[in-house]
N, C-alpha and C. Protein backbone atom coordinates (compact mmCIF):
# COMPACT_ATOMS: atom_id res chain seq x y z
N MET A 1 -45.31 -54.05 61.97
CA MET A 1 -46.57 -53.92 62.70
C MET A 1 -47.12 -55.30 63.02
N SER A 2 -47.67 -55.44 64.17
CA SER A 2 -48.22 -56.71 64.62
C SER A 2 -49.48 -57.06 63.87
N THR A 3 -49.73 -58.36 63.73
CA THR A 3 -51.00 -58.83 63.21
C THR A 3 -52.03 -58.69 64.32
N ILE A 4 -53.20 -58.15 63.96
CA ILE A 4 -54.28 -57.97 64.94
C ILE A 4 -55.35 -59.01 64.66
N THR A 5 -55.74 -59.75 65.69
CA THR A 5 -56.82 -60.73 65.60
C THR A 5 -57.94 -60.27 66.50
N ILE A 6 -59.17 -60.26 65.98
CA ILE A 6 -60.32 -59.83 66.77
C ILE A 6 -61.24 -61.02 66.98
N LEU A 7 -61.58 -61.27 68.24
CA LEU A 7 -62.40 -62.42 68.61
C LEU A 7 -63.56 -61.98 69.51
N SER A 8 -64.66 -62.71 69.41
CA SER A 8 -65.74 -62.60 70.39
C SER A 8 -65.40 -63.60 71.49
N VAL A 9 -65.49 -63.17 72.75
CA VAL A 9 -65.10 -64.04 73.86
C VAL A 9 -66.20 -64.07 74.93
N PRO A 10 -66.38 -65.22 75.59
CA PRO A 10 -67.40 -65.31 76.64
C PRO A 10 -67.05 -64.47 77.87
N ALA A 11 -68.07 -63.93 78.51
CA ALA A 11 -67.87 -63.16 79.75
C ALA A 11 -67.13 -64.03 80.76
N PHE A 12 -66.14 -63.43 81.38
CA PHE A 12 -65.35 -64.03 82.45
C PHE A 12 -64.47 -65.19 82.00
N SER A 13 -64.28 -65.35 80.68
CA SER A 13 -63.25 -66.27 80.19
C SER A 13 -61.89 -65.61 80.45
N THR A 14 -60.83 -66.34 80.26
CA THR A 14 -59.49 -65.79 80.47
C THR A 14 -59.27 -64.54 79.62
N LEU A 15 -59.67 -64.61 78.35
CA LEU A 15 -59.48 -63.44 77.47
C LEU A 15 -60.39 -62.28 77.87
N CYS A 16 -61.60 -62.58 78.29
CA CYS A 16 -62.49 -61.51 78.73
C CYS A 16 -61.97 -60.87 80.02
N ASN A 17 -61.44 -61.68 80.91
CA ASN A 17 -60.86 -61.12 82.13
C ASN A 17 -59.68 -60.21 81.80
N ALA A 18 -58.89 -60.57 80.77
CA ALA A 18 -57.80 -59.69 80.32
C ALA A 18 -58.38 -58.40 79.74
N ALA A 19 -59.53 -58.50 79.06
CA ALA A 19 -60.20 -57.31 78.54
C ALA A 19 -60.67 -56.42 79.69
N PHE A 20 -61.22 -57.02 80.74
CA PHE A 20 -61.64 -56.24 81.91
C PHE A 20 -60.44 -55.53 82.53
N ALA A 21 -59.29 -56.21 82.58
CA ALA A 21 -58.07 -55.58 83.11
C ALA A 21 -57.65 -54.40 82.23
N LEU A 22 -57.78 -54.56 80.91
CA LEU A 22 -57.44 -53.46 80.00
C LEU A 22 -58.41 -52.29 80.19
N ARG A 23 -59.69 -52.58 80.35
CA ARG A 23 -60.66 -51.51 80.62
C ARG A 23 -60.28 -50.75 81.89
N ARG A 24 -59.88 -51.48 82.93
CA ARG A 24 -59.47 -50.83 84.19
C ARG A 24 -58.25 -49.94 83.92
N GLU A 25 -57.28 -50.46 83.15
CA GLU A 25 -56.07 -49.69 82.81
C GLU A 25 -56.43 -48.39 82.10
N VAL A 26 -57.30 -48.48 81.08
CA VAL A 26 -57.63 -47.31 80.26
C VAL A 26 -58.60 -46.38 80.98
N PHE A 27 -59.70 -46.91 81.47
CA PHE A 27 -60.75 -46.05 82.01
C PHE A 27 -60.45 -45.58 83.44
N VAL A 28 -60.07 -46.49 84.33
CA VAL A 28 -59.90 -46.13 85.73
C VAL A 28 -58.54 -45.46 85.96
N TRP A 29 -57.46 -46.08 85.51
CA TRP A 29 -56.14 -45.53 85.79
C TRP A 29 -55.81 -44.34 84.90
N GLU A 30 -56.03 -44.48 83.59
CA GLU A 30 -55.64 -43.43 82.66
C GLU A 30 -56.64 -42.28 82.63
N GLN A 31 -57.94 -42.61 82.52
CA GLN A 31 -58.95 -41.57 82.35
C GLN A 31 -59.67 -41.19 83.64
N LYS A 32 -59.32 -41.84 84.73
CA LYS A 32 -59.83 -41.49 86.07
C LYS A 32 -61.34 -41.69 86.23
N VAL A 33 -61.90 -42.67 85.49
CA VAL A 33 -63.31 -43.03 85.70
C VAL A 33 -63.41 -43.70 87.08
N PRO A 34 -64.38 -43.34 87.90
CA PRO A 34 -64.52 -44.01 89.19
C PRO A 34 -64.65 -45.53 89.00
N GLN A 35 -63.87 -46.28 89.74
CA GLN A 35 -63.83 -47.74 89.59
C GLN A 35 -65.22 -48.37 89.70
N GLU A 36 -66.06 -47.84 90.59
CA GLU A 36 -67.38 -48.43 90.79
C GLU A 36 -68.31 -48.20 89.59
N GLU A 37 -67.94 -47.29 88.68
CA GLU A 37 -68.76 -47.04 87.49
C GLU A 37 -68.29 -47.85 86.28
N GLU A 38 -67.12 -48.47 86.37
CA GLU A 38 -66.53 -49.12 85.19
C GLU A 38 -67.24 -50.43 84.83
N HIS A 39 -67.59 -51.24 85.80
CA HIS A 39 -68.33 -52.49 85.55
C HIS A 39 -69.79 -52.29 85.91
N ASP A 40 -70.66 -52.99 85.19
CA ASP A 40 -72.09 -52.94 85.49
C ASP A 40 -72.71 -54.28 85.15
N ALA A 41 -73.99 -54.39 85.39
CA ALA A 41 -74.69 -55.67 85.16
C ALA A 41 -74.66 -56.09 83.70
N TYR A 42 -74.52 -55.15 82.78
CA TYR A 42 -74.46 -55.52 81.35
C TYR A 42 -73.27 -56.40 81.02
N ASP A 43 -72.21 -56.34 81.83
CA ASP A 43 -71.04 -57.19 81.56
C ASP A 43 -71.40 -58.67 81.57
N LEU A 44 -72.45 -59.04 82.29
CA LEU A 44 -72.86 -60.44 82.36
C LEU A 44 -73.54 -60.92 81.08
N SER A 45 -74.25 -60.02 80.40
CA SER A 45 -75.02 -60.41 79.22
C SER A 45 -74.47 -59.87 77.90
N ALA A 46 -73.50 -58.99 77.96
CA ALA A 46 -72.94 -58.39 76.75
C ALA A 46 -72.14 -59.42 75.95
N THR A 47 -71.98 -59.12 74.67
CA THR A 47 -71.06 -59.87 73.83
C THR A 47 -69.75 -59.08 73.85
N HIS A 48 -68.69 -59.71 74.31
CA HIS A 48 -67.39 -59.04 74.47
C HIS A 48 -66.48 -59.40 73.30
N PHE A 49 -65.74 -58.40 72.83
CA PHE A 49 -64.76 -58.58 71.76
C PHE A 49 -63.40 -58.15 72.27
N VAL A 50 -62.37 -58.85 71.81
CA VAL A 50 -61.00 -58.47 72.14
C VAL A 50 -60.18 -58.38 70.85
N ALA A 51 -59.19 -57.51 70.89
CA ALA A 51 -58.19 -57.44 69.83
C ALA A 51 -56.90 -57.97 70.42
N LEU A 52 -56.31 -58.95 69.75
CA LEU A 52 -55.07 -59.57 70.21
C LEU A 52 -53.91 -59.15 69.31
N ALA A 53 -52.79 -58.82 69.94
CA ALA A 53 -51.56 -58.52 69.22
C ALA A 53 -50.40 -58.90 70.13
N ASP A 54 -49.38 -59.47 69.55
CA ASP A 54 -48.18 -59.82 70.33
C ASP A 54 -48.52 -60.69 71.54
N GLY A 55 -49.54 -61.54 71.41
CA GLY A 55 -49.91 -62.45 72.48
C GLY A 55 -50.66 -61.80 73.63
N GLU A 56 -51.09 -60.57 73.45
CA GLU A 56 -51.77 -59.84 74.52
C GLU A 56 -53.12 -59.29 74.03
N VAL A 57 -54.03 -59.06 74.97
CA VAL A 57 -55.25 -58.32 74.68
C VAL A 57 -54.89 -56.84 74.67
N VAL A 58 -55.04 -56.20 73.49
CA VAL A 58 -54.65 -54.80 73.35
C VAL A 58 -55.85 -53.90 73.06
N GLY A 59 -57.02 -54.51 72.88
CA GLY A 59 -58.23 -53.73 72.64
C GLY A 59 -59.44 -54.53 73.07
N THR A 60 -60.52 -53.82 73.38
CA THR A 60 -61.76 -54.48 73.78
C THR A 60 -62.94 -53.57 73.54
N LEU A 61 -64.10 -54.17 73.39
CA LEU A 61 -65.38 -53.47 73.40
C LEU A 61 -66.45 -54.48 73.74
N ARG A 62 -67.64 -53.98 73.99
CA ARG A 62 -68.77 -54.87 74.25
C ARG A 62 -69.98 -54.40 73.46
N LEU A 63 -70.84 -55.36 73.13
CA LEU A 63 -72.13 -55.08 72.51
C LEU A 63 -73.22 -55.48 73.49
N ILE A 64 -74.18 -54.59 73.67
CA ILE A 64 -75.34 -54.87 74.51
C ILE A 64 -76.56 -54.87 73.58
N THR A 65 -77.22 -56.01 73.48
CA THR A 65 -78.38 -56.13 72.61
C THR A 65 -79.64 -55.74 73.38
N LEU A 66 -80.24 -54.65 72.96
CA LEU A 66 -81.48 -54.15 73.55
C LEU A 66 -82.57 -54.24 72.50
N ASP A 67 -83.82 -54.11 72.90
CA ASP A 67 -84.91 -54.21 71.94
C ASP A 67 -84.78 -53.20 70.81
N GLU A 68 -84.45 -51.95 71.16
CA GLU A 68 -84.47 -50.87 70.17
C GLU A 68 -83.20 -50.76 69.34
N HIS A 69 -82.08 -51.26 69.85
CA HIS A 69 -80.81 -51.15 69.13
C HIS A 69 -79.75 -52.00 69.83
N VAL A 70 -78.59 -52.05 69.21
CA VAL A 70 -77.42 -52.68 69.81
C VAL A 70 -76.50 -51.55 70.26
N LYS A 71 -76.14 -51.55 71.53
CA LYS A 71 -75.28 -50.50 72.08
C LYS A 71 -73.83 -50.96 72.07
N ILE A 72 -72.99 -50.16 71.45
CA ILE A 72 -71.54 -50.39 71.45
C ILE A 72 -70.97 -49.63 72.63
N GLY A 73 -70.15 -50.28 73.43
CA GLY A 73 -69.60 -49.59 74.58
C GLY A 73 -68.28 -50.14 75.06
N ARG A 74 -67.71 -49.41 76.00
CA ARG A 74 -66.46 -49.79 76.65
C ARG A 74 -65.36 -50.07 75.62
N VAL A 75 -65.28 -49.20 74.60
CA VAL A 75 -64.25 -49.33 73.57
C VAL A 75 -62.94 -48.82 74.17
N ALA A 76 -61.94 -49.69 74.22
CA ALA A 76 -60.65 -49.32 74.81
C ALA A 76 -59.52 -49.98 74.04
N VAL A 77 -58.45 -49.23 73.83
CA VAL A 77 -57.24 -49.74 73.18
C VAL A 77 -56.05 -49.32 74.04
N ARG A 78 -55.17 -50.27 74.31
CA ARG A 78 -53.96 -49.97 75.10
C ARG A 78 -53.18 -48.84 74.44
N MET A 79 -52.68 -47.92 75.24
CA MET A 79 -52.04 -46.71 74.76
C MET A 79 -50.98 -46.99 73.68
N ALA A 80 -50.13 -47.97 73.89
CA ALA A 80 -49.04 -48.25 72.95
C ALA A 80 -49.53 -48.75 71.59
N TYR A 81 -50.81 -49.13 71.50
CA TYR A 81 -51.36 -49.70 70.27
C TYR A 81 -52.35 -48.75 69.58
N ARG A 82 -52.53 -47.55 70.11
CA ARG A 82 -53.47 -46.61 69.51
C ARG A 82 -52.92 -46.07 68.19
N GLY A 83 -53.84 -45.65 67.34
CA GLY A 83 -53.45 -45.08 66.05
C GLY A 83 -53.18 -46.12 64.99
N ARG A 84 -53.51 -47.38 65.25
CA ARG A 84 -53.26 -48.46 64.29
C ARG A 84 -54.54 -49.03 63.68
N GLY A 85 -55.67 -48.38 63.95
CA GLY A 85 -56.93 -48.85 63.37
C GLY A 85 -57.59 -49.97 64.15
N ILE A 86 -57.13 -50.23 65.36
CA ILE A 86 -57.66 -51.34 66.15
C ILE A 86 -59.11 -51.09 66.55
N ALA A 87 -59.42 -49.91 67.05
CA ALA A 87 -60.80 -49.62 67.46
C ALA A 87 -61.73 -49.72 66.26
N ARG A 88 -61.33 -49.19 65.12
CA ARG A 88 -62.14 -49.26 63.90
C ARG A 88 -62.38 -50.72 63.51
N SER A 89 -61.34 -51.54 63.55
CA SER A 89 -61.49 -52.96 63.19
C SER A 89 -62.40 -53.69 64.17
N MET A 90 -62.26 -53.39 65.47
CA MET A 90 -63.13 -54.03 66.46
C MET A 90 -64.58 -53.65 66.23
N ILE A 91 -64.84 -52.36 65.99
CA ILE A 91 -66.22 -51.90 65.79
C ILE A 91 -66.80 -52.52 64.53
N ASP A 92 -66.02 -52.54 63.44
CA ASP A 92 -66.49 -53.17 62.20
C ASP A 92 -66.84 -54.64 62.44
N THR A 93 -65.96 -55.36 63.13
CA THR A 93 -66.19 -56.79 63.41
C THR A 93 -67.42 -56.98 64.27
N ALA A 94 -67.56 -56.17 65.32
CA ALA A 94 -68.70 -56.29 66.23
C ALA A 94 -70.01 -55.97 65.50
N MET A 95 -70.01 -54.93 64.67
CA MET A 95 -71.23 -54.58 63.94
C MET A 95 -71.58 -55.67 62.92
N ASP A 96 -70.58 -56.25 62.27
CA ASP A 96 -70.83 -57.37 61.36
C ASP A 96 -71.45 -58.55 62.10
N HIS A 97 -70.92 -58.82 63.30
CA HIS A 97 -71.44 -59.89 64.15
C HIS A 97 -72.94 -59.65 64.44
N ALA A 98 -73.27 -58.42 64.82
CA ALA A 98 -74.68 -58.10 65.13
C ALA A 98 -75.54 -58.18 63.87
N ARG A 99 -75.02 -57.72 62.75
CA ARG A 99 -75.81 -57.78 61.51
C ARG A 99 -76.11 -59.22 61.11
N LYS A 100 -75.16 -60.12 61.33
CA LYS A 100 -75.40 -61.55 61.03
C LYS A 100 -76.51 -62.12 61.90
N ALA A 101 -76.74 -61.50 63.05
CA ALA A 101 -77.83 -61.91 63.94
C ALA A 101 -79.12 -61.13 63.63
N GLY A 102 -79.11 -60.36 62.54
CA GLY A 102 -80.30 -59.64 62.13
C GLY A 102 -80.48 -58.27 62.75
N ARG A 103 -79.45 -57.75 63.39
CA ARG A 103 -79.54 -56.44 64.05
C ARG A 103 -78.79 -55.40 63.22
N ASP A 104 -79.41 -54.24 62.96
CA ASP A 104 -78.73 -53.25 62.14
C ASP A 104 -78.91 -51.81 62.64
N ARG A 105 -79.33 -51.67 63.88
CA ARG A 105 -79.46 -50.35 64.49
C ARG A 105 -78.47 -50.26 65.64
N PHE A 106 -77.58 -49.27 65.58
CA PHE A 106 -76.50 -49.17 66.54
C PHE A 106 -76.51 -47.81 67.24
N TYR A 107 -76.10 -47.83 68.51
CA TYR A 107 -76.12 -46.66 69.38
C TYR A 107 -74.87 -46.72 70.23
N LEU A 108 -74.36 -45.56 70.63
CA LEU A 108 -73.24 -45.50 71.56
C LEU A 108 -73.23 -44.14 72.21
N THR A 109 -72.49 -44.02 73.29
CA THR A 109 -72.19 -42.70 73.84
C THR A 109 -70.68 -42.54 73.73
N ALA A 110 -70.27 -41.48 73.05
CA ALA A 110 -68.86 -41.25 72.77
C ALA A 110 -68.32 -40.12 73.64
N GLN A 111 -67.10 -40.28 74.09
CA GLN A 111 -66.43 -39.16 74.74
C GLN A 111 -66.41 -38.03 73.71
N SER A 112 -66.72 -36.82 74.16
CA SER A 112 -66.90 -35.71 73.23
C SER A 112 -65.68 -35.46 72.34
N ASP A 113 -64.50 -35.74 72.84
CA ASP A 113 -63.30 -35.52 72.01
C ASP A 113 -63.08 -36.64 70.99
N LYS A 114 -63.94 -37.66 70.99
CA LYS A 114 -63.83 -38.77 70.04
C LYS A 114 -64.95 -38.75 68.99
N LEU A 115 -65.75 -37.69 68.95
CA LEU A 115 -66.89 -37.63 68.03
C LEU A 115 -66.45 -37.81 66.57
N GLY A 116 -65.36 -37.19 66.18
CA GLY A 116 -64.89 -37.28 64.80
C GLY A 116 -64.59 -38.70 64.38
N PHE A 117 -64.02 -39.47 65.29
CA PHE A 117 -63.73 -40.88 64.99
C PHE A 117 -65.03 -41.63 64.70
N TYR A 118 -66.01 -41.48 65.57
CA TYR A 118 -67.27 -42.20 65.38
C TYR A 118 -68.05 -41.68 64.17
N GLU A 119 -67.95 -40.37 63.90
CA GLU A 119 -68.57 -39.83 62.69
C GLU A 119 -67.96 -40.49 61.45
N SER A 120 -66.66 -40.78 61.48
CA SER A 120 -66.01 -41.42 60.33
C SER A 120 -66.52 -42.85 60.13
N LEU A 121 -67.18 -43.41 61.14
CA LEU A 121 -67.77 -44.75 61.04
C LEU A 121 -69.26 -44.68 60.69
N GLY A 122 -69.78 -43.46 60.47
CA GLY A 122 -71.17 -43.30 60.07
C GLY A 122 -72.12 -42.96 61.20
N PHE A 123 -71.61 -42.66 62.39
CA PHE A 123 -72.46 -42.29 63.51
C PHE A 123 -72.69 -40.79 63.52
N VAL A 124 -73.84 -40.39 64.05
CA VAL A 124 -74.21 -38.98 64.15
C VAL A 124 -74.60 -38.69 65.59
N ALA A 125 -74.05 -37.60 66.14
CA ALA A 125 -74.37 -37.20 67.52
C ALA A 125 -75.76 -36.59 67.58
N PHE A 126 -76.43 -36.79 68.71
CA PHE A 126 -77.74 -36.17 68.93
C PHE A 126 -77.89 -35.90 70.42
N GLY A 127 -78.77 -34.98 70.72
CA GLY A 127 -79.05 -34.67 72.12
C GLY A 127 -77.94 -33.86 72.77
N PRO A 128 -78.16 -33.50 74.02
CA PRO A 128 -77.19 -32.66 74.73
C PRO A 128 -75.97 -33.46 75.19
N GLU A 129 -74.92 -32.73 75.49
CA GLU A 129 -73.75 -33.37 76.08
C GLU A 129 -74.11 -33.83 77.49
N ILE A 130 -73.62 -35.02 77.86
CA ILE A 130 -73.86 -35.56 79.20
C ILE A 130 -72.52 -35.87 79.84
N ILE A 131 -72.50 -35.96 81.14
CA ILE A 131 -71.28 -36.34 81.86
C ILE A 131 -71.43 -37.81 82.25
N ASP A 132 -70.45 -38.61 81.84
CA ASP A 132 -70.43 -40.04 82.15
C ASP A 132 -69.01 -40.38 82.58
N GLY A 133 -68.88 -40.99 83.74
CA GLY A 133 -67.55 -41.32 84.24
C GLY A 133 -66.68 -40.09 84.45
N GLY A 134 -67.33 -38.94 84.68
CA GLY A 134 -66.60 -37.71 84.92
C GLY A 134 -66.16 -36.98 83.65
N MET A 135 -66.53 -37.50 82.48
CA MET A 135 -66.12 -36.90 81.21
C MET A 135 -67.33 -36.57 80.34
N PRO A 136 -67.24 -35.49 79.53
CA PRO A 136 -68.35 -35.18 78.63
C PRO A 136 -68.49 -36.21 77.52
N HIS A 137 -69.73 -36.59 77.25
CA HIS A 137 -70.07 -37.57 76.21
C HIS A 137 -71.24 -37.03 75.40
N ARG A 138 -71.41 -37.58 74.20
CA ARG A 138 -72.60 -37.33 73.38
C ARG A 138 -73.16 -38.67 72.94
N ALA A 139 -74.47 -38.77 72.92
CA ALA A 139 -75.12 -39.95 72.36
C ALA A 139 -74.94 -39.90 70.85
N MET A 140 -74.76 -41.08 70.24
CA MET A 140 -74.59 -41.16 68.79
C MET A 140 -75.35 -42.37 68.28
N ARG A 141 -75.84 -42.27 67.05
CA ARG A 141 -76.50 -43.40 66.42
C ARG A 141 -76.11 -43.42 64.95
N ASP A 142 -76.32 -44.54 64.33
CA ASP A 142 -75.94 -44.67 62.93
C ASP A 142 -77.11 -44.34 62.02
N TYR A 143 -76.81 -44.09 60.78
CA TYR A 143 -77.85 -43.87 59.77
C TYR A 143 -78.30 -45.20 59.21
N ASP A 144 -79.56 -45.28 58.87
CA ASP A 144 -80.08 -46.41 58.10
C ASP A 144 -79.63 -46.15 56.67
N LYS A 145 -78.70 -46.95 56.18
CA LYS A 145 -78.08 -46.71 54.87
C LYS A 145 -79.09 -46.75 53.72
N HIS A 146 -80.19 -47.48 53.89
CA HIS A 146 -81.14 -47.65 52.79
C HIS A 146 -82.12 -46.48 52.68
N SER A 147 -82.53 -45.91 53.78
CA SER A 147 -83.53 -44.85 53.70
C SER A 147 -82.93 -43.48 53.99
N ALA A 148 -81.66 -43.43 54.40
CA ALA A 148 -80.98 -42.19 54.75
C ALA A 148 -81.73 -41.43 55.83
N VAL A 149 -82.43 -42.15 56.67
CA VAL A 149 -83.15 -41.56 57.79
C VAL A 149 -82.41 -41.92 59.07
N LEU A 150 -82.28 -40.96 59.96
CA LEU A 150 -81.62 -41.22 61.22
C LEU A 150 -82.43 -42.23 62.01
N VAL A 151 -81.78 -43.24 62.54
CA VAL A 151 -82.48 -44.25 63.34
C VAL A 151 -82.13 -44.07 64.81
N ASP A 152 -83.05 -44.46 65.66
CA ASP A 152 -82.74 -44.44 67.09
C ASP A 152 -83.38 -45.58 67.73
């Protein structure tokens, strides 16, 4: 098994551009998300993470820091590398990064068929199912570990 390295990378750096290409591969080509919905203005201000293996970007996600929480999004892993814990490692690394900056409230919208994965990371779904990029999603947030109260 390849060694996986996870890095935070600047927007539009060579590695981030490779992450954008991976997002296009996974979301637009594989999952049929409309291309015009895949990129948005948050890409300019988000903190981007990549997972590297075998000299390639094989995973990516972004963090968007908002007043109320940090939003985890655009989590993608190249098909040949799925099932190896890459998404879990990227999310753990990204959340640790945000916690070091004093942020501890996290939010995401998960594809409905991925709820179990995010639940295993401590996220809880809330609200109605929504359609995003042509696929059903649910909003999810994490628990405040100290008070056991749902945060949003």
